[in-house]
Amino acid sequence: MTDLYRKQRLKMVETQIRARGIEDRRLMKAMETVPRHLFVDEAIISQAYNDSPLPIDEHQTISQPYIVALMTEALELTGKEKVLEIGTGSGYQAAILAMLADHVFSIERIPALATKARRLLEGLNLFNVAIRVADGTYGWRDEAPFDGIIVTAGAPALPEPLTAQLAVGGRLVVPVGGRFTQTLMKYTRLSEDPNDLKKENLGGCRFVDLIGDHGWQAF
C-alpha cells in the first residue's frame, strides 16, 4: 500500500504541480515525500491525491495540491526562514513548510484540529513546527518578524497585524475577496513602513472563511 501512495504522490507532482509551471525543486521533493493521505479522513483516503480540495473535520478543507504548491512557491523559501501560517487545518501545509523552512509557527482557531495536526506532524518527525490555538488574524507577535506568512483561509482584506509582523523583504500570501471567491495575493514588504508593499495577483481561488477580529465574523 505504501508503494501505491508513493506512486500517487509522484503522479500528483508530475501532472498537477510540475505540469502547471511550478519550478521549485525543493518544493516538489517535499510534496513527493509528505504522505498527504494521512491528513485526510480515512473514508476518503482514496481521494487524497486528487486534483481538488477535500473536506476535513470541523467543516474545514485541505487545499488542492496545486494551490498548496502555488502558495508555497510564492514564499520563495531557501531553508533558513521563519514562517508563520494562519490556519493549521489538517496540518498538511505546515508539513510542507516544515521541510522547506527553518521554523514554522502555525495558528489554528479550532482546538481539535490543532491537536490532530500536532500529532500527525510529530508522527512524521517534523518537530520544527509550533502550533498555537488563537485568533490567527492577530498573528504571532512574540515570534515576529517572519520571513514568510501564509494565510490558508479567505480574508475580506489584508489583516493589518500581519503586515506589521512581516520582515522587510518578506513575502505574505493570502486569499482576499468575498466569502465565496477570492484573489490569491502575494505581498512583499519593501521597507520599514509596513504599508510599503509590492502586490502581485496570483489568480482566482476559493477558500473557507478567515474567522477573526481582522477577518470575517463567524456566522
N, C-alpha and C. Protein backbone atom coordinates (compact mmCIF):
# COMPACT_ATOMS: atom_id res chain seq x y z
N MET A 1 0.83 -1.21 0.00
CA MET A 1 0.00 0.00 0.00
C MET A 1 0.87 1.26 0.00
N THR A 2 1.99 1.22 0.74
CA THR A 2 2.89 2.37 0.79
C THR A 2 3.41 2.70 -0.61
N ASP A 3 3.79 1.66 -1.36
CA ASP A 3 4.28 1.89 -2.72
C ASP A 3 3.21 2.53 -3.60
N LEU A 4 1.96 2.13 -3.39
CA LEU A 4 0.86 2.71 -4.14
C LEU A 4 0.76 4.21 -3.88
N TYR A 5 0.85 4.61 -2.62
CA TYR A 5 0.76 6.03 -2.29
C TYR A 5 1.97 6.79 -2.84
N ARG A 6 3.13 6.15 -2.82
CA ARG A 6 4.32 6.79 -3.38
C ARG A 6 4.11 7.09 -4.86
N LYS A 7 3.59 6.13 -5.58
CA LYS A 7 3.32 6.33 -7.00
C LYS A 7 2.28 7.44 -7.20
N GLN A 8 1.29 7.48 -6.33
CA GLN A 8 0.26 8.52 -6.44
C GLN A 8 0.86 9.90 -6.18
N ARG A 9 1.78 9.98 -5.23
CA ARG A 9 2.42 11.27 -4.96
C ARG A 9 3.25 11.74 -6.14
N LEU A 10 4.01 10.81 -6.71
CA LEU A 10 4.83 11.16 -7.87
C LEU A 10 3.95 11.62 -9.03
N LYS A 11 2.85 10.93 -9.25
CA LYS A 11 1.94 11.30 -10.33
C LYS A 11 1.30 12.66 -10.04
N MET A 12 0.91 12.89 -8.78
CA MET A 12 0.34 14.18 -8.38
C MET A 12 1.30 15.32 -8.71
N VAL A 13 2.56 15.16 -8.34
CA VAL A 13 3.54 16.22 -8.58
C VAL A 13 3.77 16.42 -10.08
N GLU A 14 3.86 15.34 -10.82
CA GLU A 14 4.15 15.45 -12.24
C GLU A 14 3.00 16.08 -13.02
N THR A 15 1.77 15.64 -12.74
CA THR A 15 0.62 16.08 -13.55
C THR A 15 -0.08 17.32 -13.02
N GLN A 16 -0.03 17.53 -11.69
CA GLN A 16 -0.75 18.66 -11.11
C GLN A 16 0.15 19.84 -10.75
N ILE A 17 1.42 19.56 -10.47
CA ILE A 17 2.33 20.60 -9.97
C ILE A 17 3.31 21.04 -11.06
N ARG A 18 4.16 20.13 -11.48
CA ARG A 18 5.16 20.47 -12.49
C ARG A 18 4.49 20.90 -13.81
N ALA A 19 3.45 20.20 -14.21
CA ALA A 19 2.78 20.49 -15.49
C ALA A 19 2.12 21.86 -15.51
N ARG A 20 1.87 22.44 -14.32
CA ARG A 20 1.24 23.76 -14.26
C ARG A 20 2.24 24.88 -14.03
N GLY A 21 3.51 24.56 -14.12
CA GLY A 21 4.51 25.63 -14.11
C GLY A 21 5.25 25.83 -12.81
N ILE A 22 4.99 25.02 -11.79
CA ILE A 22 5.76 25.13 -10.55
C ILE A 22 7.19 24.64 -10.83
N GLU A 23 8.19 25.41 -10.41
CA GLU A 23 9.58 25.10 -10.76
C GLU A 23 10.48 24.81 -9.57
N ASP A 24 10.01 25.10 -8.36
CA ASP A 24 10.84 24.92 -7.16
C ASP A 24 11.08 23.44 -6.90
N ARG A 25 12.30 22.99 -7.10
CA ARG A 25 12.61 21.56 -6.97
C ARG A 25 12.51 21.08 -5.53
N ARG A 26 12.89 21.92 -4.58
CA ARG A 26 12.77 21.54 -3.17
C ARG A 26 11.31 21.35 -2.79
N LEU A 27 10.47 22.21 -3.29
CA LEU A 27 9.04 22.11 -3.03
C LEU A 27 8.47 20.82 -3.61
N MET A 28 8.82 20.52 -4.85
CA MET A 28 8.29 19.30 -5.47
C MET A 28 8.78 18.06 -4.74
N LYS A 29 10.02 18.08 -4.26
CA LYS A 29 10.55 16.95 -3.49
C LYS A 29 9.76 16.79 -2.19
N ALA A 30 9.45 17.89 -1.54
CA ALA A 30 8.66 17.83 -0.31
C ALA A 30 7.28 17.24 -0.56
N MET A 31 6.66 17.63 -1.67
CA MET A 31 5.32 17.14 -1.98
C MET A 31 5.36 15.68 -2.44
N GLU A 32 6.48 15.24 -2.94
CA GLU A 32 6.65 13.82 -3.25
C GLU A 32 6.85 12.98 -1.99
N THR A 33 7.29 13.65 -0.92
CA THR A 33 7.66 12.96 0.31
C THR A 33 6.54 12.92 1.35
N VAL A 34 5.88 14.05 1.58
CA VAL A 34 4.87 14.14 2.65
C VAL A 34 3.66 13.28 2.29
N PRO A 35 3.28 12.35 3.15
CA PRO A 35 2.15 11.45 2.87
C PRO A 35 0.80 12.16 3.05
N ARG A 36 0.33 12.79 2.00
CA ARG A 36 -0.90 13.58 2.06
C ARG A 36 -2.09 12.75 2.55
N HIS A 37 -2.09 11.45 2.25
CA HIS A 37 -3.23 10.61 2.63
C HIS A 37 -3.43 10.54 4.15
N LEU A 38 -2.38 10.81 4.92
CA LEU A 38 -2.52 10.79 6.37
C LEU A 38 -3.30 11.99 6.90
N PHE A 39 -3.44 13.02 6.07
CA PHE A 39 -4.06 14.27 6.51
C PHE A 39 -5.53 14.38 6.10
N VAL A 40 -6.07 13.33 5.50
CA VAL A 40 -7.50 13.34 5.12
C VAL A 40 -8.23 12.26 5.91
N ASP A 41 -9.54 12.36 5.93
CA ASP A 41 -10.36 11.39 6.63
C ASP A 41 -10.20 10.01 5.99
N GLU A 42 -10.19 8.99 6.82
CA GLU A 42 -10.00 7.63 6.32
C GLU A 42 -11.05 7.23 5.29
N ALA A 43 -12.25 7.79 5.41
CA ALA A 43 -13.33 7.44 4.49
C ALA A 43 -13.07 7.91 3.07
N ILE A 44 -12.24 8.93 2.91
CA ILE A 44 -11.96 9.47 1.57
C ILE A 44 -10.47 9.40 1.24
N ILE A 45 -9.78 8.47 1.88
CA ILE A 45 -8.33 8.36 1.68
C ILE A 45 -7.97 8.08 0.23
N SER A 46 -8.87 7.42 -0.50
CA SER A 46 -8.61 7.11 -1.91
C SER A 46 -8.57 8.37 -2.77
N GLN A 47 -9.10 9.49 -2.24
CA GLN A 47 -9.13 10.75 -2.98
C GLN A 47 -8.00 11.70 -2.59
N ALA A 48 -7.12 11.25 -1.72
CA ALA A 48 -6.12 12.14 -1.12
C ALA A 48 -5.25 12.85 -2.13
N TYR A 49 -4.97 12.21 -3.26
CA TYR A 49 -4.07 12.79 -4.26
C TYR A 49 -4.81 13.31 -5.48
N ASN A 50 -6.13 13.47 -5.34
CA ASN A 50 -6.93 14.05 -6.43
C ASN A 50 -6.61 15.52 -6.62
N ASP A 51 -6.94 16.03 -7.78
CA ASP A 51 -6.70 17.43 -8.15
C ASP A 51 -7.85 18.30 -7.64
N SER A 52 -8.04 18.32 -6.33
CA SER A 52 -9.16 19.07 -5.76
C SER A 52 -8.97 19.23 -4.26
N PRO A 53 -9.61 20.24 -3.66
CA PRO A 53 -9.63 20.32 -2.20
C PRO A 53 -10.53 19.21 -1.66
N LEU A 54 -10.37 18.89 -0.38
CA LEU A 54 -11.19 17.86 0.24
C LEU A 54 -11.66 18.33 1.62
N PRO A 55 -12.82 17.87 2.06
CA PRO A 55 -13.29 18.24 3.40
C PRO A 55 -12.49 17.54 4.48
N ILE A 56 -12.29 18.25 5.59
CA ILE A 56 -11.72 17.65 6.79
C ILE A 56 -12.69 17.94 7.94
N ASP A 57 -12.29 17.65 9.17
CA ASP A 57 -13.17 17.87 10.31
C ASP A 57 -13.51 19.35 10.49
N GLU A 58 -14.57 19.59 11.25
CA GLU A 58 -14.97 20.94 11.66
C GLU A 58 -15.34 21.84 10.48
N HIS A 59 -15.84 21.24 9.40
CA HIS A 59 -16.29 21.99 8.22
C HIS A 59 -15.17 22.79 7.56
N GLN A 60 -13.95 22.31 7.68
CA GLN A 60 -12.81 22.95 7.04
C GLN A 60 -12.36 22.10 5.85
N THR A 61 -11.30 22.52 5.17
CA THR A 61 -10.83 21.79 3.99
C THR A 61 -9.31 21.66 3.99
N ILE A 62 -8.82 20.66 3.26
CA ILE A 62 -7.41 20.57 2.90
C ILE A 62 -7.33 21.05 1.46
N SER A 63 -6.45 21.99 1.18
CA SER A 63 -6.41 22.65 -0.12
C SER A 63 -5.99 21.70 -1.24
N GLN A 64 -6.41 22.04 -2.43
CA GLN A 64 -5.98 21.37 -3.66
C GLN A 64 -4.44 21.36 -3.70
N PRO A 65 -3.83 20.25 -4.09
CA PRO A 65 -2.36 20.20 -4.10
C PRO A 65 -1.70 21.34 -4.88
N TYR A 66 -2.26 21.71 -6.02
CA TYR A 66 -1.65 22.79 -6.80
C TYR A 66 -1.66 24.11 -6.05
N ILE A 67 -2.76 24.38 -5.33
CA ILE A 67 -2.83 25.63 -4.57
C ILE A 67 -1.80 25.63 -3.44
N VAL A 68 -1.62 24.50 -2.79
CA VAL A 68 -0.56 24.38 -1.78
C VAL A 68 0.80 24.70 -2.40
N ALA A 69 1.05 24.15 -3.56
CA ALA A 69 2.33 24.38 -4.24
C ALA A 69 2.48 25.83 -4.67
N LEU A 70 1.44 26.40 -5.24
CA LEU A 70 1.48 27.79 -5.71
C LEU A 70 1.77 28.75 -4.57
N MET A 71 1.05 28.60 -3.45
CA MET A 71 1.23 29.49 -2.32
C MET A 71 2.61 29.31 -1.69
N THR A 72 3.05 28.06 -1.61
CA THR A 72 4.36 27.80 -1.00
C THR A 72 5.48 28.35 -1.86
N GLU A 73 5.41 28.13 -3.17
CA GLU A 73 6.46 28.64 -4.06
C GLU A 73 6.55 30.16 -3.97
N ALA A 74 5.41 30.81 -3.79
CA ALA A 74 5.40 32.28 -3.72
C ALA A 74 6.18 32.81 -2.52
N LEU A 75 6.37 31.99 -1.50
CA LEU A 75 7.14 32.42 -0.33
C LEU A 75 8.65 32.45 -0.60
N GLU A 76 9.09 31.79 -1.68
CA GLU A 76 10.49 31.80 -2.11
C GLU A 76 11.43 31.32 -1.00
N LEU A 77 11.12 30.18 -0.42
CA LEU A 77 11.88 29.66 0.72
C LEU A 77 13.19 29.01 0.28
N THR A 78 14.23 29.25 1.06
CA THR A 78 15.54 28.66 0.79
C THR A 78 15.96 27.66 1.86
N GLY A 79 15.26 27.64 2.99
CA GLY A 79 15.58 26.72 4.07
C GLY A 79 15.98 27.38 5.37
N LYS A 80 16.19 28.68 5.35
CA LYS A 80 16.67 29.38 6.54
C LYS A 80 15.59 30.24 7.20
N GLU A 81 14.41 30.24 6.62
CA GLU A 81 13.40 31.22 7.03
C GLU A 81 12.58 30.80 8.26
N LYS A 82 12.00 31.82 8.87
CA LYS A 82 10.97 31.66 9.90
C LYS A 82 9.64 32.01 9.24
N VAL A 83 8.69 31.07 9.26
CA VAL A 83 7.44 31.23 8.53
C VAL A 83 6.26 31.15 9.49
N LEU A 84 5.27 32.00 9.26
CA LEU A 84 4.02 31.99 10.01
C LEU A 84 2.90 31.49 9.11
N GLU A 85 2.16 30.50 9.60
CA GLU A 85 0.99 30.01 8.88
C GLU A 85 -0.26 30.35 9.67
N ILE A 86 -1.24 30.94 9.00
CA ILE A 86 -2.53 31.23 9.63
C ILE A 86 -3.54 30.22 9.12
N GLY A 87 -3.99 29.32 10.01
CA GLY A 87 -4.94 28.29 9.64
C GLY A 87 -4.26 26.94 9.47
N THR A 88 -3.96 26.27 10.58
CA THR A 88 -3.26 24.99 10.52
C THR A 88 -4.09 23.93 9.79
N GLY A 89 -5.39 23.90 10.07
CA GLY A 89 -6.27 22.92 9.43
C GLY A 89 -5.80 21.50 9.65
N SER A 90 -5.64 20.76 8.56
CA SER A 90 -5.21 19.36 8.65
C SER A 90 -3.76 19.22 9.08
N GLY A 91 -2.95 20.25 8.84
CA GLY A 91 -1.52 20.19 9.12
C GLY A 91 -0.68 19.90 7.89
N TYR A 92 -1.33 19.64 6.75
CA TYR A 92 -0.57 19.28 5.54
C TYR A 92 0.31 20.43 5.05
N GLN A 93 -0.26 21.63 4.98
CA GLN A 93 0.54 22.77 4.54
C GLN A 93 1.71 23.00 5.48
N ALA A 94 1.48 22.86 6.77
CA ALA A 94 2.55 23.03 7.75
C ALA A 94 3.65 21.99 7.55
N ALA A 95 3.26 20.77 7.19
CA ALA A 95 4.25 19.71 6.94
C ALA A 95 5.14 20.06 5.75
N ILE A 96 4.53 20.58 4.69
CA ILE A 96 5.31 21.00 3.52
C ILE A 96 6.26 22.14 3.91
N LEU A 97 5.75 23.12 4.63
CA LEU A 97 6.59 24.24 5.07
C LEU A 97 7.73 23.77 5.96
N ALA A 98 7.46 22.78 6.81
CA ALA A 98 8.47 22.29 7.75
C ALA A 98 9.67 21.71 7.02
N MET A 99 9.46 21.19 5.82
CA MET A 99 10.55 20.62 5.04
C MET A 99 11.32 21.66 4.25
N LEU A 100 10.79 22.87 4.20
CA LEU A 100 11.38 23.91 3.35
C LEU A 100 11.92 25.11 4.12
N ALA A 101 11.51 25.27 5.38
CA ALA A 101 11.91 26.42 6.18
C ALA A 101 12.58 25.94 7.47
N ASP A 102 13.22 26.86 8.17
CA ASP A 102 13.91 26.52 9.41
C ASP A 102 12.91 26.31 10.55
N HIS A 103 12.00 27.29 10.71
CA HIS A 103 10.99 27.22 11.77
C HIS A 103 9.64 27.62 11.21
N VAL A 104 8.60 26.90 11.63
CA VAL A 104 7.23 27.21 11.22
C VAL A 104 6.39 27.43 12.46
N PHE A 105 5.66 28.53 12.46
CA PHE A 105 4.72 28.84 13.54
C PHE A 105 3.33 28.87 12.93
N SER A 106 2.44 28.01 13.44
CA SER A 106 1.12 27.85 12.83
C SER A 106 0.03 28.11 13.85
N ILE A 107 -0.97 28.88 13.45
CA ILE A 107 -2.07 29.24 14.35
C ILE A 107 -3.36 28.64 13.84
N GLU A 108 -4.09 27.98 14.73
CA GLU A 108 -5.38 27.38 14.40
C GLU A 108 -6.40 27.81 15.46
N ARG A 109 -7.58 28.20 15.02
CA ARG A 109 -8.58 28.66 15.99
C ARG A 109 -9.40 27.52 16.58
N ILE A 110 -9.37 26.33 15.96
CA ILE A 110 -10.19 25.20 16.42
C ILE A 110 -9.29 24.21 17.15
N PRO A 111 -9.45 24.04 18.47
CA PRO A 111 -8.53 23.21 19.24
C PRO A 111 -8.41 21.77 18.74
N ALA A 112 -9.51 21.15 18.33
CA ALA A 112 -9.45 19.75 17.88
C ALA A 112 -8.57 19.60 16.66
N LEU A 113 -8.61 20.55 15.73
CA LEU A 113 -7.76 20.49 14.55
C LEU A 113 -6.30 20.67 14.92
N ALA A 114 -6.04 21.61 15.83
CA ALA A 114 -4.65 21.85 16.26
C ALA A 114 -4.06 20.60 16.90
N THR A 115 -4.84 19.93 17.74
CA THR A 115 -4.36 18.73 18.42
C THR A 115 -4.05 17.61 17.42
N LYS A 116 -4.96 17.41 16.48
CA LYS A 116 -4.77 16.35 15.49
C LYS A 116 -3.57 16.65 14.60
N ALA A 117 -3.43 17.91 14.16
CA ALA A 117 -2.31 18.29 13.30
C ALA A 117 -0.98 18.11 14.03
N ARG A 118 -0.94 18.49 15.29
CA ARG A 118 0.30 18.35 16.07
C ARG A 118 0.70 16.88 16.17
N ARG A 119 -0.26 16.02 16.37
CA ARG A 119 0.02 14.59 16.48
C ARG A 119 0.56 14.03 15.15
N LEU A 120 -0.05 14.45 14.05
CA LEU A 120 0.40 13.99 12.73
C LEU A 120 1.82 14.45 12.43
N LEU A 121 2.10 15.71 12.72
CA LEU A 121 3.43 16.26 12.44
C LEU A 121 4.50 15.58 13.28
N GLU A 122 4.20 15.33 14.54
CA GLU A 122 5.16 14.65 15.40
C GLU A 122 5.38 13.22 14.92
N GLY A 123 4.31 12.58 14.41
CA GLY A 123 4.45 11.24 13.89
C GLY A 123 5.35 11.17 12.67
N LEU A 124 5.48 12.29 11.96
CA LEU A 124 6.36 12.37 10.78
C LEU A 124 7.73 12.95 11.14
N ASN A 125 7.97 13.11 12.44
CA ASN A 125 9.25 13.65 12.94
C ASN A 125 9.51 15.07 12.45
N LEU A 126 8.45 15.83 12.30
CA LEU A 126 8.56 17.23 11.91
C LEU A 126 8.40 18.08 13.17
N PHE A 127 9.51 18.29 13.85
CA PHE A 127 9.48 18.95 15.16
C PHE A 127 9.81 20.43 15.09
N ASN A 128 9.93 20.98 13.88
CA ASN A 128 10.22 22.40 13.76
C ASN A 128 8.96 23.23 13.51
N VAL A 129 7.80 22.67 13.90
CA VAL A 129 6.52 23.37 13.78
C VAL A 129 5.95 23.59 15.17
N ALA A 130 5.66 24.85 15.50
CA ALA A 130 4.96 25.17 16.73
C ALA A 130 3.53 25.55 16.38
N ILE A 131 2.56 25.01 17.13
CA ILE A 131 1.15 25.28 16.85
C ILE A 131 0.52 25.95 18.07
N ARG A 132 -0.23 27.00 17.80
CA ARG A 132 -0.93 27.73 18.86
C ARG A 132 -2.41 27.82 18.51
N VAL A 133 -3.27 27.69 19.50
CA VAL A 133 -4.71 27.88 19.31
C VAL A 133 -5.02 29.34 19.67
N ALA A 134 -5.46 30.11 18.66
CA ALA A 134 -5.70 31.54 18.86
C ALA A 134 -6.40 32.11 17.64
N ASP A 135 -6.71 33.39 17.70
CA ASP A 135 -7.23 34.14 16.56
C ASP A 135 -6.05 34.48 15.66
N GLY A 136 -5.95 33.78 14.54
CA GLY A 136 -4.80 33.95 13.66
C GLY A 136 -4.69 35.31 13.01
N THR A 137 -5.77 36.06 12.98
CA THR A 137 -5.71 37.38 12.32
C THR A 137 -4.84 38.37 13.09
N TYR A 138 -4.49 38.03 14.33
CA TYR A 138 -3.57 38.86 15.10
C TYR A 138 -2.11 38.45 14.89
N GLY A 139 -1.90 37.34 14.20
CA GLY A 139 -0.54 36.86 14.01
C GLY A 139 0.05 36.29 15.29
N TRP A 140 1.38 36.27 15.34
CA TRP A 140 2.11 35.71 16.50
C TRP A 140 3.22 36.71 16.83
N ARG A 141 2.83 37.77 17.49
CA ARG A 141 3.71 38.92 17.69
C ARG A 141 5.00 38.58 18.42
N ASP A 142 4.93 37.64 19.38
CA ASP A 142 6.12 37.30 20.17
C ASP A 142 7.24 36.70 19.33
N GLU A 143 6.87 36.12 18.17
CA GLU A 143 7.87 35.46 17.32
C GLU A 143 8.22 36.28 16.07
N ALA A 144 7.59 37.42 15.90
CA ALA A 144 7.86 38.27 14.73
C ALA A 144 9.25 38.88 14.84
N PRO A 145 9.85 39.28 13.70
CA PRO A 145 9.28 39.27 12.34
C PRO A 145 9.44 37.92 11.64
N PHE A 146 8.60 37.71 10.62
CA PHE A 146 8.61 36.48 9.84
C PHE A 146 9.09 36.76 8.42
N ASP A 147 9.87 35.83 7.89
CA ASP A 147 10.34 35.95 6.51
C ASP A 147 9.23 35.61 5.52
N GLY A 148 8.29 34.81 5.96
CA GLY A 148 7.15 34.44 5.13
C GLY A 148 5.91 34.27 5.98
N ILE A 149 4.77 34.70 5.46
CA ILE A 149 3.49 34.48 6.11
C ILE A 149 2.53 33.92 5.08
N ILE A 150 1.85 32.84 5.42
CA ILE A 150 0.90 32.21 4.51
C ILE A 150 -0.45 32.10 5.23
N VAL A 151 -1.49 32.58 4.59
CA VAL A 151 -2.84 32.56 5.16
C VAL A 151 -3.67 31.57 4.36
N THR A 152 -4.13 30.52 5.01
CA THR A 152 -4.82 29.45 4.30
C THR A 152 -6.33 29.52 4.47
N ALA A 153 -6.85 30.75 4.51
CA ALA A 153 -8.29 30.99 4.56
C ALA A 153 -8.54 32.34 3.92
N GLY A 154 -9.75 32.53 3.39
CA GLY A 154 -10.06 33.75 2.65
C GLY A 154 -10.39 34.92 3.55
N ALA A 155 -9.72 36.05 3.31
CA ALA A 155 -9.90 37.25 4.13
C ALA A 155 -10.65 38.33 3.34
N PRO A 156 -11.48 39.16 4.02
CA PRO A 156 -12.13 40.27 3.33
C PRO A 156 -11.14 41.35 2.92
N ALA A 157 -10.03 41.43 3.63
CA ALA A 157 -8.96 42.40 3.33
C ALA A 157 -7.68 41.89 3.99
N LEU A 158 -6.57 42.45 3.61
CA LEU A 158 -5.29 42.06 4.20
C LEU A 158 -5.28 42.43 5.68
N PRO A 159 -5.15 41.47 6.60
CA PRO A 159 -5.13 41.79 8.04
C PRO A 159 -3.91 42.63 8.41
N GLU A 160 -4.15 43.80 8.95
CA GLU A 160 -3.07 44.74 9.25
C GLU A 160 -2.01 44.18 10.20
N PRO A 161 -2.38 43.41 11.24
CA PRO A 161 -1.34 42.90 12.14
C PRO A 161 -0.31 42.03 11.42
N LEU A 162 -0.70 41.40 10.35
CA LEU A 162 0.23 40.50 9.66
C LEU A 162 1.30 41.27 8.91
N THR A 163 0.94 42.37 8.28
CA THR A 163 1.96 43.14 7.56
C THR A 163 2.98 43.73 8.53
N ALA A 164 2.52 44.08 9.74
CA ALA A 164 3.42 44.63 10.74
C ALA A 164 4.41 43.57 11.22
N GLN A 165 4.05 42.29 11.10
CA GLN A 165 4.90 41.20 11.57
C GLN A 165 5.75 40.59 10.45
N LEU A 166 5.63 41.13 9.26
CA LEU A 166 6.40 40.65 8.11
C LEU A 166 7.75 41.36 8.07
N ALA A 167 8.82 40.61 7.94
CA ALA A 167 10.16 41.20 7.86
C ALA A 167 10.30 41.99 6.57
N VAL A 168 11.18 42.97 6.58
CA VAL A 168 11.49 43.69 5.35
C VAL A 168 12.07 42.70 4.35
N GLY A 169 11.51 42.67 3.16
CA GLY A 169 11.90 41.69 2.16
C GLY A 169 11.11 40.40 2.23
N GLY A 170 10.28 40.26 3.27
CA GLY A 170 9.49 39.05 3.45
C GLY A 170 8.29 39.01 2.52
N ARG A 171 7.75 37.80 2.33
CA ARG A 171 6.59 37.59 1.45
C ARG A 171 5.39 37.12 2.25
N LEU A 172 4.23 37.65 1.90
CA LEU A 172 2.97 37.28 2.54
C LEU A 172 2.00 36.86 1.45
N VAL A 173 1.41 35.67 1.58
CA VAL A 173 0.48 35.15 0.58
C VAL A 173 -0.88 34.94 1.25
N VAL A 174 -1.93 35.52 0.67
CA VAL A 174 -3.25 35.47 1.30
C VAL A 174 -4.36 35.57 0.26
N PRO A 175 -5.42 34.77 0.38
CA PRO A 175 -6.59 34.95 -0.47
C PRO A 175 -7.43 36.12 0.05
N VAL A 176 -7.74 37.07 -0.81
CA VAL A 176 -8.50 38.26 -0.40
C VAL A 176 -9.71 38.41 -1.30
N GLY A 177 -10.89 38.69 -0.70
CA GLY A 177 -12.08 38.91 -1.51
C GLY A 177 -13.35 38.63 -0.74
N GLY A 178 -14.36 38.10 -1.42
CA GLY A 178 -15.64 37.80 -0.79
C GLY A 178 -15.62 36.46 -0.11
N ARG A 179 -16.78 36.06 0.41
CA ARG A 179 -16.84 34.80 1.15
C ARG A 179 -16.85 33.59 0.23
N PHE A 180 -17.11 33.78 -1.05
CA PHE A 180 -17.24 32.64 -1.95
C PHE A 180 -16.16 32.59 -3.03
N THR A 181 -15.56 33.71 -3.37
CA THR A 181 -14.43 33.72 -4.29
C THR A 181 -13.43 34.78 -3.84
N GLN A 182 -12.16 34.48 -4.04
CA GLN A 182 -11.10 35.42 -3.65
C GLN A 182 -10.03 35.48 -4.74
N THR A 183 -9.16 36.45 -4.59
CA THR A 183 -7.96 36.56 -5.42
C THR A 183 -6.77 36.22 -4.54
N LEU A 184 -5.92 35.32 -5.01
CA LEU A 184 -4.72 34.97 -4.25
C LEU A 184 -3.67 36.05 -4.47
N MET A 185 -3.32 36.74 -3.40
CA MET A 185 -2.41 37.87 -3.47
C MET A 185 -1.08 37.56 -2.79
N LYS A 186 0.00 38.06 -3.40
CA LYS A 186 1.32 37.99 -2.81
C LYS A 186 1.79 39.40 -2.52
N TYR A 187 2.19 39.65 -1.27
CA TYR A 187 2.69 40.95 -0.87
C TYR A 187 4.15 40.80 -0.43
N THR A 188 5.00 41.68 -0.90
CA THR A 188 6.40 41.71 -0.48
C THR A 188 6.65 43.03 0.23
N ARG A 189 7.13 42.97 1.45
CA ARG A 189 7.38 44.20 2.21
C ARG A 189 8.69 44.83 1.75
N LEU A 190 8.64 46.08 1.35
CA LEU A 190 9.79 46.73 0.72
C LEU A 190 10.63 47.58 1.66
N SER A 191 10.06 48.00 2.80
CA SER A 191 10.80 48.90 3.69
C SER A 191 10.30 48.75 5.12
N GLU A 192 10.80 49.60 5.99
CA GLU A 192 10.37 49.58 7.39
C GLU A 192 8.90 49.98 7.54
N ASP A 193 8.37 50.66 6.56
CA ASP A 193 6.96 51.03 6.58
C ASP A 193 6.12 49.79 6.24
N PRO A 194 5.28 49.29 7.17
CA PRO A 194 4.52 48.07 6.91
C PRO A 194 3.51 48.21 5.78
N ASN A 195 3.23 49.43 5.36
CA ASN A 195 2.30 49.65 4.25
C ASN A 195 3.01 49.75 2.90
N ASP A 196 4.33 49.69 2.92
CA ASP A 196 5.12 49.77 1.68
C ASP A 196 5.25 48.36 1.11
N LEU A 197 4.25 47.96 0.33
CA LEU A 197 4.13 46.58 -0.13
C LEU A 197 4.07 46.50 -1.65
N LYS A 198 4.81 45.58 -2.21
CA LYS A 198 4.66 45.22 -3.62
C LYS A 198 3.56 44.17 -3.71
N LYS A 199 2.60 44.38 -4.61
CA LYS A 199 1.45 43.49 -4.72
C LYS A 199 1.50 42.70 -6.03
N GLU A 200 1.21 41.41 -5.94
CA GLU A 200 1.14 40.55 -7.12
C GLU A 200 -0.12 39.69 -7.06
N ASN A 201 -0.83 39.63 -8.17
CA ASN A 201 -2.04 38.83 -8.29
C ASN A 201 -1.65 37.43 -8.81
N LEU A 202 -1.94 36.41 -8.02
CA LEU A 202 -1.58 35.03 -8.40
C LEU A 202 -2.77 34.27 -8.98
N GLY A 203 -3.93 34.92 -9.09
CA GLY A 203 -5.07 34.28 -9.71
C GLY A 203 -6.24 34.06 -8.76
N GLY A 204 -7.33 33.59 -9.32
CA GLY A 204 -8.54 33.36 -8.54
C GLY A 204 -8.46 32.08 -7.71
N CYS A 205 -9.24 32.05 -6.62
CA CYS A 205 -9.24 30.89 -5.74
C CYS A 205 -10.50 30.92 -4.88
N ARG A 206 -10.69 29.86 -4.11
CA ARG A 206 -11.81 29.82 -3.18
C ARG A 206 -11.38 29.07 -1.92
N PHE A 207 -11.45 29.77 -0.79
CA PHE A 207 -11.07 29.20 0.50
C PHE A 207 -12.21 29.34 1.50
N VAL A 208 -12.12 28.59 2.57
CA VAL A 208 -13.03 28.80 3.69
C VAL A 208 -12.73 30.15 4.30
N ASP A 209 -13.65 30.67 5.10
CA ASP A 209 -13.51 32.00 5.69
C ASP A 209 -12.36 32.06 6.70
N LEU A 210 -11.65 33.18 6.68
CA LEU A 210 -10.71 33.51 7.74
C LEU A 210 -11.52 34.18 8.85
N ILE A 211 -11.78 33.44 9.91
CA ILE A 211 -12.59 33.94 11.02
C ILE A 211 -11.70 34.62 12.05
N GLY A 212 -12.06 35.83 12.45
CA GLY A 212 -11.29 36.52 13.48
C GLY A 212 -11.59 38.01 13.49
N ASP A 213 -11.00 38.70 14.43
CA ASP A 213 -11.26 40.13 14.59
C ASP A 213 -10.81 40.94 13.37
N HIS A 214 -9.80 40.47 12.66
CA HIS A 214 -9.33 41.16 11.46
C HIS A 214 -9.67 40.36 10.20
N GLY A 215 -10.68 39.53 10.32
CA GLY A 215 -11.18 38.75 9.19
C GLY A 215 -12.70 38.81 9.15
N TRP A 216 -13.31 37.67 8.83
CA TRP A 216 -14.78 37.58 8.86
C TRP A 216 -15.26 37.22 10.26
N GLN A 217 -16.45 37.68 10.58
CA GLN A 217 -17.11 37.24 11.80
C GLN A 217 -17.77 35.89 11.52
N ALA A 218 -17.78 35.02 12.53
CA ALA A 218 -18.42 33.71 12.35
C ALA A 218 -19.91 33.88 12.15
N PHE A 219 -20.51 33.00 11.33
CA PHE A 219 -21.96 33.06 11.13
C PHE A 219 -22.67 32.83 12.44
